[in-house]
Amino acid sequence: MAKIKSLEELMKIKENALKELKMRDSEKRGKIIVAMGTCGIAAGAKETLKAIVETLNEKGIDDIAVVQSGCFGLCDVEPTIEVHMENSEPIIYGHVTPAQAKRIIEQHVIEGKVVGDLIVKRGEL
């Protein structure tokens, strides 16, 4: 790790860390779980996770928790994410590329419309 050269740089690191922790807060209106087992990572889950966090930040959405989990057991449709919104059943989406992640945020999280062509499962695993 590079040496921190100023108090300002340290404060920026702290600010970024607090933002990331806030994204994991369970007192939110919804939660997005990204499957990060080895099969998911090999299929591109890291890029999908990054796209989710970036899109939420770009849209100014801070009431959705973003968390990582192990494998969902759906290796053939990785990367997979599970979207839990208040007062609705969880939806598991498959083949979630960064572009699809942005689409899910815009349609499901913001507009409240399930993205039908990416659904793998409705309800709990």
Protein backbone atom coordinates (compact mmCIF):
# COMPACT_ATOMS: atom_id res chain seq x y z
CA MET A 1 0.00 0.00 0.00
CA ALA A 2 1.24 3.48 -0.84
CA LYS A 3 2.28 5.80 1.94
CA ILE A 4 -0.30 8.41 2.92
CA LYS A 5 1.25 11.83 2.42
CA SER A 6 -1.27 14.24 3.90
CA LEU A 7 -4.17 14.57 6.31
CA GLU A 8 -6.37 15.51 3.35
CA GLU A 9 -5.54 12.21 1.63
CA LEU A 10 -6.31 10.30 4.84
CA MET A 11 -9.67 12.10 5.19
CA LYS A 12 -10.57 11.18 1.60
CA ILE A 13 -9.80 7.52 2.31
CA LYS A 14 -11.97 7.70 5.45
CA GLU A 15 -14.83 9.34 3.51
CA ASN A 16 -14.73 6.62 0.84
CA ALA A 17 -14.64 3.85 3.46
CA LEU A 18 -17.64 5.35 5.28
CA LYS A 19 -19.58 5.55 1.99
CA GLU A 20 -18.89 1.87 1.34
CA LEU A 21 -19.96 0.92 4.87
CA LYS A 22 -23.14 2.95 4.47
CA MET A 23 -23.95 0.91 1.35
CA ARG A 24 -23.96 -2.20 3.57
CA ASP A 25 -26.29 -0.77 6.22
CA SER A 26 -29.25 -3.07 6.87
CA GLU A 27 -31.62 -0.18 7.74
CA LYS A 28 -32.41 0.46 4.07
CA ARG A 29 -35.45 0.18 1.79
CA GLY A 30 -33.77 -2.56 -0.17
CA LYS A 31 -30.76 -4.77 -0.58
CA ILE A 32 -28.82 -6.14 -3.54
CA ILE A 33 -26.83 -9.31 -2.91
CA VAL A 34 -24.09 -10.19 -5.40
CA ALA A 35 -23.04 -13.86 -5.54
CA MET A 36 -19.25 -13.85 -5.30
CA GLY A 37 -18.40 -17.54 -5.30
CA THR A 38 -15.54 -18.65 -7.54
CA CYS A 39 -17.93 -19.40 -10.41
CA GLY A 40 -19.49 -15.93 -10.13
CA ILE A 41 -16.13 -14.21 -9.99
CA ALA A 42 -14.94 -16.18 -13.03
CA ALA A 43 -18.10 -15.12 -14.89
CA GLY A 44 -17.59 -11.42 -14.11
CA ALA A 45 -19.26 -10.78 -10.73
CA LYS A 46 -16.56 -8.30 -9.66
CA GLU A 47 -17.37 -6.08 -12.63
CA THR A 48 -21.09 -6.49 -11.96
CA LEU A 49 -20.63 -5.48 -8.31
CA LYS A 50 -18.59 -2.45 -9.37
CA ALA A 51 -21.28 -1.41 -11.88
CA ILE A 52 -24.00 -1.70 -9.20
CA VAL A 53 -22.12 0.49 -6.72
CA GLU A 54 -21.16 3.04 -9.40
CA THR A 55 -24.72 3.25 -10.77
CA LEU A 56 -26.22 3.72 -7.29
CA ASN A 57 -23.66 6.46 -6.61
CA GLU A 58 -24.29 8.16 -9.97
CA LYS A 59 -28.04 8.17 -9.34
CA GLY A 60 -27.61 9.43 -5.77
CA ILE A 61 -29.28 6.34 -4.30
CA ASP A 62 -28.09 5.69 -0.76
CA ASP A 63 -30.98 3.70 0.69
CA ILE A 64 -30.06 0.39 -0.96
CA ALA A 65 -27.59 -1.92 0.81
CA VAL A 66 -25.11 -3.74 -1.42
CA VAL A 67 -23.61 -6.93 0.00
CA GLN A 68 -21.59 -9.88 -1.25
CA SER A 69 -22.37 -13.52 -0.60
CA GLY A 70 -20.97 -16.89 -1.47
CA CYS A 71 -22.31 -19.01 -4.30
CA PHE A 72 -26.10 -19.14 -4.85
CA GLY A 73 -25.71 -22.56 -6.51
CA LEU A 74 -26.76 -21.16 -9.89
CA CYS A 75 -23.41 -21.55 -11.65
CA ASP A 76 -24.90 -21.85 -15.13
CA VAL A 77 -26.43 -18.34 -14.95
CA GLU A 78 -23.59 -16.41 -13.26
CA PRO A 79 -23.08 -13.59 -12.50
CA THR A 80 -26.20 -13.60 -10.33
CA ILE A 81 -27.69 -10.99 -8.03
CA GLU A 82 -30.65 -11.04 -5.67
CA VAL A 83 -32.72 -7.87 -5.32
CA HIS A 84 -34.80 -7.44 -2.15
CA MET A 85 -37.01 -4.37 -2.11
CA GLU A 86 -39.31 -3.42 0.77
CA ASN A 87 -42.68 -5.16 0.71
CA SER A 88 -41.94 -7.36 -2.30
CA GLU A 89 -40.56 -10.82 -2.91
CA PRO A 90 -36.86 -11.21 -3.66
CA ILE A 91 -35.92 -11.58 -7.32
CA ILE A 92 -32.81 -13.42 -8.49
CA TYR A 93 -31.39 -12.22 -11.78
CA GLY A 94 -28.91 -14.16 -13.88
CA HIS A 95 -26.33 -13.35 -16.56
CA VAL A 96 -25.98 -9.90 -14.99
CA THR A 97 -23.33 -7.99 -16.93
CA PRO A 98 -22.41 -4.45 -15.89
CA ALA A 99 -24.85 -3.11 -18.51
CA GLN A 100 -27.61 -5.40 -17.20
CA ALA A 101 -26.82 -4.31 -13.63
CA LYS A 102 -27.40 -0.68 -14.61
CA ARG A 103 -30.67 -1.68 -16.27
CA ILE A 104 -31.80 -3.54 -13.13
CA ILE A 105 -31.05 -0.48 -10.97
CA GLU A 106 -32.96 1.82 -13.32
CA GLN A 107 -35.99 -0.44 -13.86
CA HIS A 108 -36.32 -2.51 -10.67
CA VAL A 109 -34.82 -0.30 -7.97
CA ILE A 110 -35.90 3.12 -9.29
CA GLU A 111 -39.07 2.39 -11.29
CA GLY A 112 -40.24 -0.67 -9.32
CA LYS A 113 -40.57 -2.82 -12.47
CA VAL A 114 -39.11 -6.33 -12.41
CA VAL A 115 -36.77 -7.01 -15.36
CA GLY A 116 -38.55 -10.10 -16.69
CA ASP A 117 -36.02 -11.31 -19.24
CA LEU A 118 -33.26 -11.67 -16.63
CA ILE A 119 -35.25 -13.44 -13.88
CA VAL A 120 -33.85 -16.77 -12.72
CA LYS A 121 -36.03 -17.21 -9.63
CA ARG A 122 -38.66 -15.39 -7.59
CA GLY A 123 -38.68 -15.71 -3.82
CA GLU A 124 -36.13 -17.07 -1.36
CA LEU A 125 -33.51 -19.64 -2.42
